[in-house]
Amino acid sequence: MRKMLASSALLLAAAACTPSVDKTPPPAVVVARFDPSQTPPVVPSPNDLAIDPTTGRLSVPLPANASDIDREFAAYLNTLDGFPADTPATTTFSGRLDPATVNTQTVRVTDITNPAAPIPVALTPGYADTADATAPGRISVGPPPGGWAPGHHDSVVVVGGEAGMKGAEGQPVVGSAVWALIRSQSSLVTCADLTSPDCRPTVDVLPATSHDPAERLAEQTAAALQLERLRLGLKPMFDSLEAAGLPRAVVPIAWTFRIVGQPSIVFAPAAIPPQVPEPNDLAIDPATGKVNAPIDPGSSPAEQELTRDYLNTLNGFPTQATAVALATGSGLAPATVTPQTVRVLDLTLLGADGGAAVVPAITYDAAGKAIVITPPATGWAKGHRYAVAVLGGATGVQGAQGQTLIASQIWALVRSKATLVTCADLAASDCASALHLASLLPSDAVALERLRRGLEPLLDGFEASGITRPDVAVAWSFTILSSGELSFDPLHSIVPFPNDLLRVPATSTTPAHVNLPIPDGGVTEQALIRGLNTLDGFSTTARVVSENGRETGALDLGEIDPGTLDGGVGFVNLTPSGAAPQVNACLGCTASASADGGLPAPQPQTLEFVPEIPLEERSTYGAYVTTRVKDTAGRPVAPTTTFALLRLENPLVDASGKSQVSTVTDTQAQQLEPARLELQPLINSLVASGVPRSEIGLAWAFTTQTTWSALPPIHALPATLTSAGTLSDAPDFVTDATMELFALMDAQTVPHEAIGRLFVGEIPAPFLLTGVGGTLDPASPEVVSIPFLLSTPAAAPAAASGYPVVVFNHGITRSKEDVLSIANALAAAGFATIAIDILWHGERTRCTGAAVLLPMACPFGTDAARCDALAACGGTSGSSLCDQASGKCVSATAASRSACDPASTGGVSPDAYCASLTQGSCVATDQRCQAADLARATPGGVPRLSGWNFIDPSNLFGTRDNFRQQVADLAQVYRVVAASGTGRLNPTIQAQGAVGPLDPAAYHFVGQSLGGMLGTLYTSVAPEVGRVTLNASGGGLTSLLMTSPGLAVVREALLEGLAAQGTVPGTPAFDQFLTTTTWILDPADPLNAAPQVMNGPGLPAFRAGLLQYVSGDQVIPNPTTLALIASANRPSASKPLWFFEFDGSGLPAEERHGFLLNGVALTPAAQQQAVQFLVTGSKPAGAQP
């Protein structure tokens, strides 16, 4: 189509009456056609002969058969000060040519703007056999890329002669008779002044019609003067050629032409690639409704890939597409590029082509000579069609030198009201061009007419608003895709989560860590983010979401059809030899209920991947969504432009950092390239598995944090400290408390006939929660004393090695004394049983901070010692104080507190000394006995606030490590049990009446409720433990917190605190809080340790496990127990954790959870099953799997 204006039609007004010369060619030659006297003139085009010297504009006369389109086009041409920059240079011949002789040596193009310094222009000419009997051969020279230089003067010279261009049969190529005169070195007239009346011809070959000598001379003189003017115009060119060694005689044709200096907007839809304003509906395939932008083979691989695999898959252009129109020439005057001269309309709003005005940011890029239209902040509206008109004329956009902005020649045709063809039906076989001013092939005319008709309503709409067609320098429309895009906006932190884009990998000097941006918000939020940034990865159990925005959904428009998820999304383990993940893809399936327990508040749809069992720690996973997923309207989802850039196989920048995509700045490309590289392993893996890169609508990778692997070092720490001499394996003290505890058991009708002795005492243990906020700091442990209770059987041990030992772990808010409820059954089977108070439980309960539990304002104001004591300590109001450092209750009367410093105790353990005085324990702060106690429901019973701060929603990192502390505590318990020698536990209890020693080689575990959950952590890393019984235990700490009726008090306190911050259930913010909570608690969650309980490294071969639970548990809901079982018994497990469900339907709801210990109807069977399992290690009858 670019050649359609190879215009013999730019008629030469000045040469139209040039005299006819005898032009019969000699035989056996090919003549370069040049005969200005014909109608229309036969001359090369474009040609300076068509420029009116008086106006400096083209002067194109209308042919006799001019059509309406001829008139419109001539009116356009005659406004130009030169030829359009996209006009090819052409000339014709009387015969066919030898194409091999049509080359850059025989067709020479020169920029002659500066005649003193002509510049060769390297352009390869083309040749075509025209099948036109009068002009069988035609050569053409296309303009350079981007067009002829605006305002420049160019020449084309055809070289004949012996070494020049030849005819198809080897004939010489010669000039016409008229041309021979014009190229003559000699003047064709006798005068220098062509206006002189004395001028006469110097040649006698010029014909005349009159036979009268005077009239004949006058005719020949007039003809000679016309030809002389043409000769003089070309003489400088011929003189220059001869000076360069090219004789006139070997030039069969040559011509010059000036290129228009007025700027225009580039519009060449037939160019390769098309050169039109972008984005443009011309690139949308009407058959498919999708973009079909041509791929520029000269562009970068990244550009080609983006066009092919992204842009051409859409049903419109991206919402953030920047509209660009390029100017020719010296460019435009920036001040004239305004919303008044560049009109933008939303054609969809009013449903017609006179749509509503839009005012985006409109700027002019002088360096790129580009009008730039930036979309509104929210992007172009989905599914809308927009129109842009750039106005020229007196009040429109102006050139950089103040010139009028004109239309390109193609646009001049397209914007016309007149048809370009002779037919109404463009498919008609006889459809021809209606344009006579230009040589337009029928196919090109039809193509342009189709384009004209498509844009006609748009231009009519502009005309209706007062903008005339001649004033429209260019106009175009573009349609925005209507498909929903998968939300991805890194600039505004809307990304899939979790995401390795927010994680820094390990280096040789720094460990891997999360790298969330620290917000500008409050101190609490900043502290939370800093805590998260200490983690080395992301959650193994929390939901994975395709976007993390509180106001955004999975799609930016519409909702995903759930029926298309199967086969449309995926989740993979990228770690070599990693197990295939068990993940459920769903839409909003984990959304929390509203505050009243009803449906969630209306919120954007969330695409989630929910682990059915925990993901493997320290592993990298990939999630992806393909364009096979559809929205509820049946439209395929699409990636955002940003993600389409990140999924590219080809780099976004070159070695120098320059962007390889035209619509992306260098800075943007440099910012995106690291993310693209980080994403490549996942994308390449998906492609290798058969997922086409072009179908990946969203994908992301994330690495899970360390969970279970943090436990072995904690378990090993007591041994390490003992080796270093900083921790003893001997008890601090041991006291026979058989009589006191038997009395307590009798009062509660708890049997004890099989128990021989009951000992109490304390053991030293490393307290690891010395880090910020009470978090683990294994490098700075403190040695503390932990109370224990030990039961030994009345009967002698069956084996010489001593009694097999069971370590018992009590439940939430309980104490070590719970062991008394099962100690008799264990003793009857020959087991000794030892129990300690779990951190912040029993005698380890701390009063510090307990004032927050007071139902009303503290009467002591800000006196923490008195307020905390009022909440936690026994006695009358004001009789006790809370020692803030130790967390122990002390008497407010200093004189009542005995000294317990070494000088006062006489070598006895300070705590034992104070206990012997019935003054509690020794307070290290001032080395005095408490002489006060925690508040208890019954004398000697469990403290009322036992475990009140073990789960602290305001300190999730501290809560996590409260759980993990028990691993070190129980590891130390075993070391104390196993130690031998003077002062150790075994000789001490035997000296105090135990019938036999404890056998550390037969060491087992029973944990109830929280005790079983902590026991899951401990036994997963404890090779000393043989058989494991977990009772009424579960996993999924966040789920437990949010669903357990028994934890309602803790949950309500949490919800009240969140509500004060505007975070309520049933909202995205609340769901995000739950996700974060899960993430933080993961390293302490039994779900993550469960697989190792039966199958961990280094466990004894006789390891066996049993989990007991009751239906309808009100503290550890059954789903959390089943989750723990599923994690332990995942497909890769070689040895199962057996489980047995007791029927709790016959029990009151509140009595079910404690069925192992509380003496209900199920207690004997549960205890018997547990004991028998510990004895045999065999699967109980009816247990699963």
Foldseek 3Di string as FASTA:
>chain_A
DLAQFQFLLLAQPLLQCQADFPWDDDPQAKAFDAAVPDVRGAAKPDFPSQADPVPLAGDGDAHPLADPLQVLLRVQRRVFNFAAQFHKIKTFMQAAWDQVQQFCVQKWKWFCQPVVDIHTDDWTKDKDQPPDNRTRIMIITGADVQGDAAQTKMKIFGFWPDSHIAHPVRGTYAATPLVVLLLDPDQQWDDPPLVDPPIFGPDDRGADDDPPVVVRRVVRSVSSSSSRVSSVVCVSVQVVCVVVPGHSRRTRHMHMTTHTQFKFWDAAVPDQPGQFKPDFCVQQDPVVLAGNHDARPPADPLQNCCVVLARRVFNFAAQFDKIKIAMHHQAFDFVQFACVQKWKFFCPVVVFLLHHTDHFDWTADNVRSMTIGTAPPVGHDAFIKMKIFGFWDPSGIAHPVRHTYFARSLLSSLLDPDQQWDDPDLVDPPIAGSHPSTNGGSVRSSVSRVSSVVCVRNQVSVVVVPGHSRGGSDMGMTTHGNFWAFDDDVVVPWFWPPFCVQKDPDDPVGHIFGHDDQDPDDPLSNVLVVVRRVFRFWFQFFKTWGTQDQQDERTNDAAWDFVQCVVFKDKAWLDPPADGFAWDWDKCPPAFDFQVRHRFDDGHIITIIGGLFTGAAQTKMKIFGFQSTGGPVRGGYAAHSLVSSLLDPDQQADPVQAGSHPSAGSVRSVVRRVSSVVCVVVSVVVVVVPDDSSGTRGMGMTHHTDALVVQQVLLCLQVVCVVVVNFDLFFLDKDWCAVVVVVVCVVVVADAQFWQTKMKGWGWFWLQLPDPLRFGDSVDTDIDIWMKMKTFTNDWAPDQLGFQEAEEAEAAQAFRSLVSLQQRVLSVLRYMYMYIGQQCWFLNPFLQPQLVVDPDDDPVHPQRQQSSCVRWWDDDRPQWGHDNPRRFIAGPDVVLWAAQPCVPQVPRRQQVSCVVVVQGGADPVRRTGRNTHTDDPDVVGIHPCGNVPCPPVSRLSNNLRSLSNVLRVVSSVLSQLPDDDPSGDFVVVVVVPRNHHYNLQNYAYEYAESGLFSVLSNLLNDQSHAEYEYELYFWDVLCLCVQAQVNVVVNVVVQVVVVVVVDTRSGSVVSVVSSSSSGSNSSSTSSNSLLSNQPNPNHDPNYAAEYEAEALARRRHPVRHVNSQCSNPPPVRPHHHKYDYHYCPVDDNVPRRVLCRDPPPNNVVNSVQVSVCSVPVDHDPPIDD
